[in-house]
Amino acid sequence: MLAQQDAFYMARAIQLAKRGRYTTDPNPRVGCVLVRNGVVIGEGWHVKAGLGHAEVEALKNAQEAQGATAYVTNCLCDFGAL
């Protein structure tokens, strides 16, 4: 079921966001998972305030994300980069 898959990938994005627990202040903790055809092709999280946002890191990790779905724990911070 699609909703179960969405919940699974969103849970992974939340896990990734937690990695920035002590380092992102004053920015929010954000995780991002890129999925295409049921396969995770990229992941990222906001590592530290002043560094790349989760979406940008996931895109770098994926290299080619056309046609992928982004599961992000916060609103898209770098929509222009997508």
C-alpha atoms as a PDB file:
ATOM      1  CA  MET A   1       0.000   0.000   0.000  1.00  0.00           C
ATOM      2  CA  LEU A   2       1.326   3.417  -0.958  1.00  0.00           C
ATOM      3  CA  ALA A   3       0.579   5.000   2.425  1.00  0.00           C
ATOM      4  CA  GLN A   4       2.728   2.371   4.175  1.00  0.00           C
ATOM      5  CA  GLN A   5       5.623   3.083   1.814  1.00  0.00           C
ATOM      6  CA  ASP A   6       5.241   6.811   2.413  1.00  0.00           C
ATOM      7  CA  ALA A   7       5.298   6.244   6.182  1.00  0.00           C
ATOM      8  CA  PHE A   8       8.413   4.062   5.872  1.00  0.00           C
ATOM      9  CA  TYR A   9      10.392   6.650   3.894  1.00  0.00           C
ATOM     10  CA  MET A  10       9.175   9.502   6.087  1.00  0.00           C
ATOM     11  CA  ALA A  11      10.299   7.574   9.176  1.00  0.00           C
ATOM     12  CA  ARG A  12      13.742   7.250   7.597  1.00  0.00           C
ATOM     13  CA  ALA A  13      13.813  11.000   6.927  1.00  0.00           C
ATOM     14  CA  ILE A  14      12.991  11.587  10.606  1.00  0.00           C
ATOM     15  CA  GLN A  15      15.856   9.282  11.628  1.00  0.00           C
ATOM     16  CA  LEU A  16      18.213  11.287   9.437  1.00  0.00           C
ATOM     17  CA  ALA A  17      16.964  14.591  10.867  1.00  0.00           C
ATOM     18  CA  LYS A  18      17.785  13.399  14.384  1.00  0.00           C
ATOM     19  CA  ARG A  19      21.469  13.230  13.430  1.00  0.00           C
ATOM     20  CA  GLY A  20      21.552  17.032  13.568  1.00  0.00           C
ATOM     21  CA  ARG A  21      20.121  17.155  17.071  1.00  0.00           C
ATOM     22  CA  TYR A  22      22.936  19.147  18.670  1.00  0.00           C
ATOM     23  CA  THR A  23      24.478  20.882  15.680  1.00  0.00           C
ATOM     24  CA  THR A  24      21.819  22.691  13.641  1.00  0.00           C
ATOM     25  CA  ASP A  25      20.669  25.391  16.058  1.00  0.00           C
ATOM     26  CA  PRO A  26      19.290  27.950  15.260  1.00  0.00           C
ATOM     27  CA  ASN A  27      18.106  26.089  12.150  1.00  0.00           C
ATOM     28  CA  PRO A  28      15.654  23.180  12.308  1.00  0.00           C
ATOM     29  CA  ARG A  29      16.701  19.551  12.113  1.00  0.00           C
ATOM     30  CA  VAL A  30      15.751  18.293   8.661  1.00  0.00           C
ATOM     31  CA  GLY A  31      16.118  14.938   6.927  1.00  0.00           C
ATOM     32  CA  CYS A  32      15.471  14.060   3.293  1.00  0.00           C
ATOM     33  CA  VAL A  33      15.104  10.754   1.452  1.00  0.00           C
ATOM     34  CA  LEU A  34      14.901  10.604  -2.352  1.00  0.00           C
ATOM     35  CA  VAL A  35      13.085   7.570  -3.756  1.00  0.00           C
ATOM     36  CA  ARG A  36      12.610   6.510  -7.359  1.00  0.00           C
ATOM     37  CA  ASN A  37      10.735   3.339  -8.340  1.00  0.00           C
ATOM     38  CA  GLY A  38      10.794   2.066  -4.755  1.00  0.00           C
ATOM     39  CA  VAL A  39      14.566   2.469  -4.374  1.00  0.00           C
ATOM     40  CA  VAL A  40      16.291   5.009  -2.124  1.00  0.00           C
ATOM     41  CA  ILE A  41      18.643   6.920  -4.416  1.00  0.00           C
ATOM     42  CA  GLY A  42      19.748   9.657  -2.035  1.00  0.00           C
ATOM     43  CA  GLU A  43      19.682  10.677   1.589  1.00  0.00           C
ATOM     44  CA  GLY A  44      20.758  13.781   3.437  1.00  0.00           C
ATOM     45  CA  TRP A  45      20.302  15.751   6.604  1.00  0.00           C
ATOM     46  CA  HIS A  46      21.125  19.212   7.824  1.00  0.00           C
ATOM     47  CA  VAL A  47      24.446  18.454   9.508  1.00  0.00           C
ATOM     48  CA  LYS A  48      25.307  21.838  10.973  1.00  0.00           C
ATOM     49  CA  ALA A  49      24.074  25.417  10.898  1.00  0.00           C
ATOM     50  CA  GLY A  50      25.724  27.153   7.967  1.00  0.00           C
ATOM     51  CA  LEU A  51      26.262  23.974   5.955  1.00  0.00           C
ATOM     52  CA  GLY A  52      24.141  22.484   3.147  1.00  0.00           C
ATOM     53  CA  HIS A  53      20.496  21.759   3.785  1.00  0.00           C
ATOM     54  CA  ALA A  54      19.124  18.220   3.815  1.00  0.00           C
ATOM     55  CA  GLU A  55      17.596  18.450   0.344  1.00  0.00           C
ATOM     56  CA  VAL A  56      20.846  19.650  -1.214  1.00  0.00           C
ATOM     57  CA  GLU A  57      22.845  16.903   0.496  1.00  0.00           C
ATOM     58  CA  ALA A  58      20.356  14.257  -0.687  1.00  0.00           C
ATOM     59  CA  LEU A  59      20.561  15.586  -4.246  1.00  0.00           C
ATOM     60  CA  LYS A  60      24.364  15.448  -4.146  1.00  0.00           C
ATOM     61  CA  ASN A  61      24.154  11.882  -2.867  1.00  0.00           C
ATOM     62  CA  ALA A  62      21.695  10.874  -5.595  1.00  0.00           C
ATOM     63  CA  GLN A  63      23.536  12.592  -8.454  1.00  0.00           C
ATOM     64  CA  GLU A  64      20.511  12.133 -10.762  1.00  0.00           C
ATOM     65  CA  ALA A  65      17.145  12.631  -9.093  1.00  0.00           C
ATOM     66  CA  GLN A  66      14.807  13.232 -12.027  1.00  0.00           C
ATOM     67  CA  GLY A  67      11.518  11.434 -11.430  1.00  0.00           C
ATOM     68  CA  ALA A  68      12.227  10.832  -7.743  1.00  0.00           C
ATOM     69  CA  THR A  69       9.982  11.610  -4.797  1.00  0.00           C
ATOM     70  CA  ALA A  70      11.458  13.659  -1.941  1.00  0.00           C
ATOM     71  CA  TYR A  71      10.421  12.800   1.599  1.00  0.00           C
ATOM     72  CA  VAL A  72      11.406  15.815   3.704  1.00  0.00           C
ATOM     73  CA  THR A  73      10.743  16.366   7.400  1.00  0.00           C
ATOM     74  CA  ASN A  74      10.356  20.116   6.961  1.00  0.00           C
ATOM     75  CA  CYS A  75       9.262  22.427   4.188  1.00  0.00           C
ATOM     76  CA  LEU A  76      11.683  22.541   1.285  1.00  0.00           C
ATOM     77  CA  CYS A  77      14.332  25.048   2.301  1.00  0.00           C
ATOM     78  CA  ASP A  78      16.189  25.101  -1.005  1.00  0.00           C
ATOM     79  CA  PHE A  79      13.399  24.739  -3.541  1.00  0.00           C
ATOM     80  CA  GLY A  80      15.465  26.653  -6.096  1.00  0.00           C
ATOM     81  CA  ALA A  81      18.122  23.918  -5.960  1.00  0.00           C
ATOM     82  CA  LEU A  82      15.586  21.302  -7.012  1.00  0.00           C
END
